[in-house]
Amino acid sequence: MTPLKIGACLKTSEIADHRDWLFDAARDIELQDFMSHVALTTGFDDRIAAAKTALDGHTGRLGIHGPFEGLDIDNKDSELRPIITARFLKALEAADRIGARQMVLHSPYTAWYQNNFFSFPGYAESKIGRIHQILDPVVRAAENMGITLVIENIQDVRPETRRAMVDGFGSQAIALSIDTGHARLARRMSGAPPVADFITDAGAQLAHVHLQDVDGHADRHWAPGEGEIEWTAVFRALAACESDPHLVLELRDNADIPKGFRALSDLGVVI
């Protein structure tokens, strides 16, 4: 198994703390400065300027995490859907201006959805319709900018459900993201497949991975090695993936980035 190069999710203010590790090896970076309403409406230009300064000299791949709190991509309120679209478009503007080529958005699929799939006529079709109302303009804008939206599993139980939703857009500007901790929690809580199977199912649609460890109880965002995820199996699946996804540590405490990297390096799965 060939070791894979990994990077990290950071705020602009944290880049300097890990600059040598990130920049010397041209590692993937995901900026997490543009997730909130405040970040997209207050001091927006200053925030972009600060990010560009901090990233000066970085030659690796760059993405951002898009906004998500209260911004369900299948929102049932017809008055709110255009607001959500506008928020995503504003985040895309930020991504484009700093040179990011990916933006992470959250999946709308849950165990409730899977368990009620056959309970209501047109349940799945209605959900897909709302998703397209919100995301169609965002996907078109992403196409024009050369940016890929990556849809991250949150409470997804069946990976193929989210994959089918992404495939339904018929666009290279939308793909899949996998959060290893979320996948592990779904296995514990809802009987989802193992983390490695989420990766295998994504196949050529996999463009992005959040690497974090959990204890099977909560969304800990611990460094790899601190929880129960089977990292060798995860990286065996990633090594077989032909799509070359962005691979980034997403930790609650970014001071643990060196520790998480060492744990995976000691397993021989990363460089």
Protein backbone atom coordinates (compact mmCIF):
# COMPACT_ATOMS: atom_id res chain seq x y z
CA MET A 1 0.00 0.00 0.00
CA THR A 2 1.48 3.33 -1.08
CA PRO A 3 1.46 5.97 1.69
CA LEU A 4 -0.68 9.02 0.88
CA LYS A 5 0.05 12.70 1.50
CA ILE A 6 -2.34 14.43 3.88
CA GLY A 7 -2.98 18.01 4.91
CA ALA A 8 -5.28 19.76 7.36
CA CYS A 9 -8.30 21.98 8.00
CA LEU A 10 -7.37 25.30 9.57
CA LYS A 11 -8.44 28.85 10.15
CA THR A 12 -6.30 31.51 8.51
CA SER A 13 -4.89 32.50 11.90
CA GLU A 14 -3.60 28.93 12.44
CA ILE A 15 -1.70 28.50 9.18
CA ALA A 16 1.50 30.00 10.55
CA ASP A 17 1.59 27.39 13.35
CA HIS A 18 1.86 24.57 10.78
CA ARG A 19 3.33 26.45 7.84
CA ASP A 20 6.52 24.40 7.35
CA TRP A 21 4.68 21.07 7.47
CA LEU A 22 1.97 22.30 5.09
CA PHE A 23 4.01 24.37 2.64
CA ASP A 24 7.22 22.35 2.31
CA ALA A 25 5.32 19.29 1.09
CA ALA A 26 2.57 21.22 -0.76
CA ARG A 27 -0.11 19.62 1.41
CA ASP A 28 -3.87 20.02 0.98
CA ILE A 29 -5.38 22.85 3.02
CA GLU A 30 -9.04 23.44 3.83
CA LEU A 31 -9.80 26.89 5.21
CA GLN A 32 -12.64 27.11 7.71
CA ASP A 33 -13.03 30.89 7.90
CA PHE A 34 -16.10 31.21 5.67
CA MET A 35 -18.70 29.02 7.38
CA SER A 36 -20.83 31.60 9.22
CA HIS A 37 -23.20 34.39 8.27
CA VAL A 38 -20.90 36.88 10.02
CA ALA A 39 -17.87 35.67 8.06
CA LEU A 40 -19.70 36.17 4.77
CA THR A 41 -21.23 39.57 5.58
CA THR A 42 -18.87 41.40 7.97
CA GLY A 43 -15.29 42.22 7.05
CA PHE A 44 -15.60 39.93 4.03
CA ASP A 45 -12.93 41.61 1.91
CA ASP A 46 -10.55 41.84 4.87
CA ARG A 47 -11.04 38.15 5.59
CA ILE A 48 -10.20 37.27 2.00
CA ALA A 49 -7.13 39.50 2.01
CA ALA A 50 -5.89 37.89 5.23
CA ALA A 51 -6.36 34.40 3.79
CA LYS A 52 -4.46 35.27 0.61
CA THR A 53 -1.58 36.70 2.64
CA ALA A 54 -1.40 33.63 4.90
CA LEU A 55 -1.50 31.30 1.89
CA ASP A 56 1.19 33.13 -0.08
CA GLY A 57 3.73 30.54 -1.23
CA HIS A 58 1.43 27.54 -0.77
CA THR A 59 1.51 25.32 -3.86
CA GLY A 60 -0.76 22.50 -2.66
CA ARG A 61 -4.48 22.09 -3.27
CA LEU A 62 -6.88 24.44 -1.50
CA GLY A 63 -10.51 24.21 -0.46
CA ILE A 64 -12.89 25.85 1.98
CA HIS A 65 -15.67 24.57 4.20
CA GLY A 66 -18.91 26.21 3.17
CA PRO A 67 -21.62 27.46 5.55
CA PHE A 68 -24.01 24.90 6.98
CA GLU A 69 -25.71 25.82 10.28
CA GLY A 70 -29.43 26.18 9.60
CA LEU A 71 -28.77 25.91 5.85
CA ASP A 72 -30.26 22.51 5.00
CA ILE A 73 -29.88 21.80 1.30
CA ASP A 74 -33.38 20.27 1.28
CA ASN A 75 -35.06 23.01 3.33
CA LYS A 76 -38.87 22.69 3.23
CA ASP A 77 -39.54 26.41 3.57
CA SER A 78 -39.90 27.93 0.10
CA GLU A 79 -39.03 31.42 1.40
CA LEU A 80 -35.78 30.21 2.93
CA ARG A 81 -34.48 28.22 -0.02
CA PRO A 82 -33.35 31.30 -2.03
CA ILE A 83 -31.56 32.62 1.08
CA ILE A 84 -29.64 29.36 1.40
CA THR A 85 -28.70 29.46 -2.28
CA ALA A 86 -27.46 33.04 -1.87
CA ARG A 87 -25.37 32.08 1.16
CA PHE A 88 -23.70 29.27 -0.77
CA LEU A 89 -23.03 31.57 -3.72
CA LYS A 90 -21.37 34.09 -1.42
CA ALA A 91 -19.15 31.36 -0.01
CA LEU A 92 -18.28 30.29 -3.56
CA GLU A 93 -17.18 33.86 -4.23
CA ALA A 94 -14.82 33.63 -1.25
CA ALA A 95 -13.45 30.31 -2.48
CA ASP A 96 -12.82 31.68 -5.95
CA ARG A 97 -11.14 34.87 -4.72
CA ILE A 98 -8.63 32.99 -2.57
CA GLY A 99 -7.98 30.36 -5.24
CA ALA A 100 -9.77 27.43 -3.60
CA ARG A 101 -11.03 24.71 -5.97
CA GLN A 102 -13.34 22.87 -3.55
CA MET A 103 -16.14 23.81 -1.17
CA VAL A 104 -17.58 21.41 1.41
CA LEU A 105 -21.36 21.30 1.98
CA HIS A 106 -23.34 19.04 4.30
CA SER A 107 -25.50 16.11 3.26
CA PRO A 108 -29.24 16.20 4.01
CA TYR A 109 -29.61 12.44 4.49
CA THR A 110 -30.30 10.82 7.87
CA ALA A 111 -31.42 7.58 9.47
CA TRP A 112 -34.91 9.11 9.63
CA TYR A 113 -34.88 9.44 5.84
CA GLN A 114 -33.74 5.85 5.31
CA ASN A 115 -36.31 4.47 7.73
CA ASN A 116 -39.19 6.46 6.24
CA PHE A 117 -38.30 6.03 2.57
CA PHE A 118 -41.42 3.98 1.85
CA SER A 119 -43.72 5.65 4.39
CA PHE A 120 -44.85 8.64 2.35
CA PRO A 121 -45.70 8.81 -1.37
CA GLY A 122 -43.09 10.79 -3.29
CA TYR A 123 -40.91 11.21 -0.20
CA ALA A 124 -37.59 10.75 -1.99
CA GLU A 125 -38.65 12.68 -5.09
CA SER A 126 -39.81 15.68 -3.05
CA LYS A 127 -36.52 15.80 -1.20
CA ILE A 128 -34.50 15.65 -4.41
CA GLY A 129 -36.66 18.42 -5.88
CA ARG A 130 -35.91 20.74 -2.97
CA ILE A 131 -32.20 19.91 -3.17
CA HIS A 132 -32.12 20.88 -6.84
CA GLN A 133 -34.01 24.11 -6.21
CA ILE A 134 -31.30 25.16 -3.77
CA LEU A 135 -28.21 23.72 -5.42
CA ASP A 136 -28.79 24.01 -9.18
CA PRO A 137 -27.69 27.68 -9.28
CA VAL A 138 -24.74 26.88 -7.00
CA VAL A 139 -23.61 23.98 -9.19
CA ARG A 140 -23.83 26.21 -12.28
CA ALA A 141 -21.76 28.91 -10.58
CA ALA A 142 -19.23 26.32 -9.43
CA GLU A 143 -18.95 25.03 -13.00
CA ASN A 144 -18.18 28.53 -14.25
CA MET A 145 -15.56 29.06 -11.54
CA GLY A 146 -13.90 25.66 -11.89
CA ILE A 147 -14.77 24.76 -8.31
CA THR A 148 -16.11 21.40 -7.09
CA LEU A 149 -18.79 21.21 -4.40
CA VAL A 150 -18.15 18.17 -2.19
CA ILE A 151 -21.08 16.80 -0.18
CA GLU A 152 -19.99 15.55 3.24
CA ASN A 153 -21.75 12.74 5.08
CA ILE A 154 -23.18 13.92 8.40
CA GLN A 155 -25.83 11.43 9.55
CA ASP A 156 -25.87 9.36 6.35
CA VAL A 157 -26.62 5.68 6.85
CA ARG A 158 -26.43 4.45 3.25
CA PRO A 159 -23.54 5.91 1.25
CA GLU A 160 -25.19 5.04 -2.05
CA THR A 161 -28.11 7.40 -1.30
CA ARG A 162 -25.89 10.47 -1.24
CA ARG A 163 -23.89 9.18 -4.20
CA ALA A 164 -27.09 8.86 -6.26
CA MET A 165 -28.04 12.43 -5.32
CA VAL A 166 -24.66 13.73 -6.50
CA ASP A 167 -24.80 11.65 -9.68
CA GLY A 168 -28.23 13.13 -10.42
CA PHE A 169 -26.71 16.55 -11.13
CA GLY A 170 -24.71 15.16 -14.05
CA SER A 171 -21.95 17.69 -13.37
CA GLN A 172 -18.22 17.53 -12.68
CA ALA A 173 -18.75 20.46 -10.28
CA ILE A 174 -20.34 18.31 -7.56
CA ALA A 175 -18.77 15.25 -5.93
CA LEU A 176 -18.52 13.37 -2.65
CA SER A 177 -16.76 14.06 0.64
CA ILE A 178 -16.39 11.52 3.43
CA ASP A 179 -15.88 12.36 7.08
CA THR A 180 -14.37 9.28 8.71
CA GLY A 181 -15.71 10.10 12.16
CA HIS A 182 -19.25 10.68 10.92
CA ALA A 183 -19.17 7.39 9.02
CA ARG A 184 -17.99 5.53 12.14
CA LEU A 185 -20.71 7.12 14.25
CA ALA A 186 -23.34 6.12 11.69
CA ARG A 187 -22.10 2.55 11.91
CA ARG A 188 -22.37 2.56 15.71
CA MET A 189 -25.68 4.39 15.92
CA SER A 190 -27.56 3.24 12.82
CA GLY A 191 -25.87 0.13 11.44
CA ALA A 192 -24.15 1.89 8.54
CA PRO A 193 -21.34 0.11 6.65
CA PRO A 194 -17.73 0.38 7.87
CA VAL A 195 -15.82 3.58 7.09
CA ALA A 196 -13.75 1.84 4.41
CA ASP A 197 -16.95 0.80 2.64
CA PHE A 198 -18.11 4.43 2.44
CA ILE A 199 -14.85 5.14 0.61
CA THR A 200 -15.18 2.16 -1.70
CA ASP A 201 -18.79 3.05 -2.54
CA ALA A 202 -17.83 6.63 -3.44
CA GLY A 203 -15.36 5.39 -6.05
CA ALA A 204 -14.57 7.94 -8.74
CA GLN A 205 -16.94 10.46 -7.12
CA LEU A 206 -14.73 10.79 -4.02
CA ALA A 207 -13.03 14.18 -4.07
CA HIS A 208 -12.44 15.02 -0.40
CA VAL A 209 -11.97 13.30 2.98
CA HIS A 210 -12.06 14.65 6.53
CA LEU A 211 -9.77 12.52 8.69
CA GLN A 212 -10.82 12.42 12.34
CA ASP A 213 -11.19 9.79 15.04
CA VAL A 214 -14.10 9.11 17.38
CA ASP A 215 -15.05 6.85 20.27
CA GLY A 216 -18.30 5.74 18.65
CA HIS A 217 -20.40 7.94 20.92
CA ALA A 218 -19.96 11.56 19.78
CA ASP A 219 -18.40 13.65 17.02
CA ARG A 220 -15.08 14.03 18.83
CA HIS A 221 -12.76 15.16 16.02
CA TRP A 222 -9.86 13.52 17.85
CA ALA A 223 -6.49 12.90 16.30
CA PRO A 224 -6.19 9.54 14.51
CA GLY A 225 -5.17 6.88 17.00
CA GLU A 226 -7.19 8.32 19.88
CA GLY A 227 -10.45 6.60 18.94
CA GLU A 228 -11.62 3.35 17.41
CA ILE A 229 -11.40 3.86 13.65
CA GLU A 230 -9.56 1.14 11.74
CA TRP A 231 -7.10 3.37 9.92
CA THR A 232 -5.26 0.70 7.98
CA ALA A 233 -8.53 -0.41 6.38
CA VAL A 234 -9.47 3.22 5.65
CA PHE A 235 -6.18 3.96 3.90
CA ARG A 236 -6.22 0.66 2.04
CA ALA A 237 -9.53 1.80 0.53
CA LEU A 238 -8.14 5.26 -0.16
CA ALA A 239 -5.04 3.82 -1.84
CA ALA A 240 -7.33 1.92 -4.22
CA CYS A 241 -9.25 5.09 -5.10
CA GLU A 242 -8.35 6.52 -8.50
CA SER A 243 -9.87 9.98 -7.95
CA ASP A 244 -7.03 11.44 -5.82
CA PRO A 245 -9.22 13.14 -3.17
CA HIS A 246 -8.09 15.98 -0.94
CA LEU A 247 -7.13 14.36 2.40
CA VAL A 248 -7.24 16.67 5.42
CA LEU A 249 -7.10 16.21 9.17
CA GLU A 250 -10.14 17.92 10.72
CA LEU A 251 -9.40 18.05 14.44
CA ARG A 252 -11.11 19.87 17.28
CA ASP A 253 -7.71 20.99 18.57
CA ASN A 254 -5.32 21.77 15.74
CA ALA A 255 -2.42 21.58 18.16
CA ASP A 256 -2.95 17.81 17.73
CA ILE A 257 -2.16 17.87 14.01
CA PRO A 258 1.44 16.66 14.55
CA LYS A 259 0.22 13.89 16.85
CA GLY A 260 -2.43 12.71 14.39
CA PHE A 261 0.04 12.79 11.54
CA ARG A 262 2.59 10.76 13.54
CA ALA A 263 0.00 8.12 14.43
CA LEU A 264 -0.83 7.58 10.77
CA SER A 265 2.81 7.81 9.72
CA ASP A 266 3.73 5.13 12.26
CA LEU A 267 1.17 2.87 10.57
CA GLY A 268 2.94 3.49 7.29
CA VAL A 269 -0.17 4.87 5.57
CA VAL A 270 0.75 8.56 5.16
CA ILE A 271 3.68 10.77 4.29
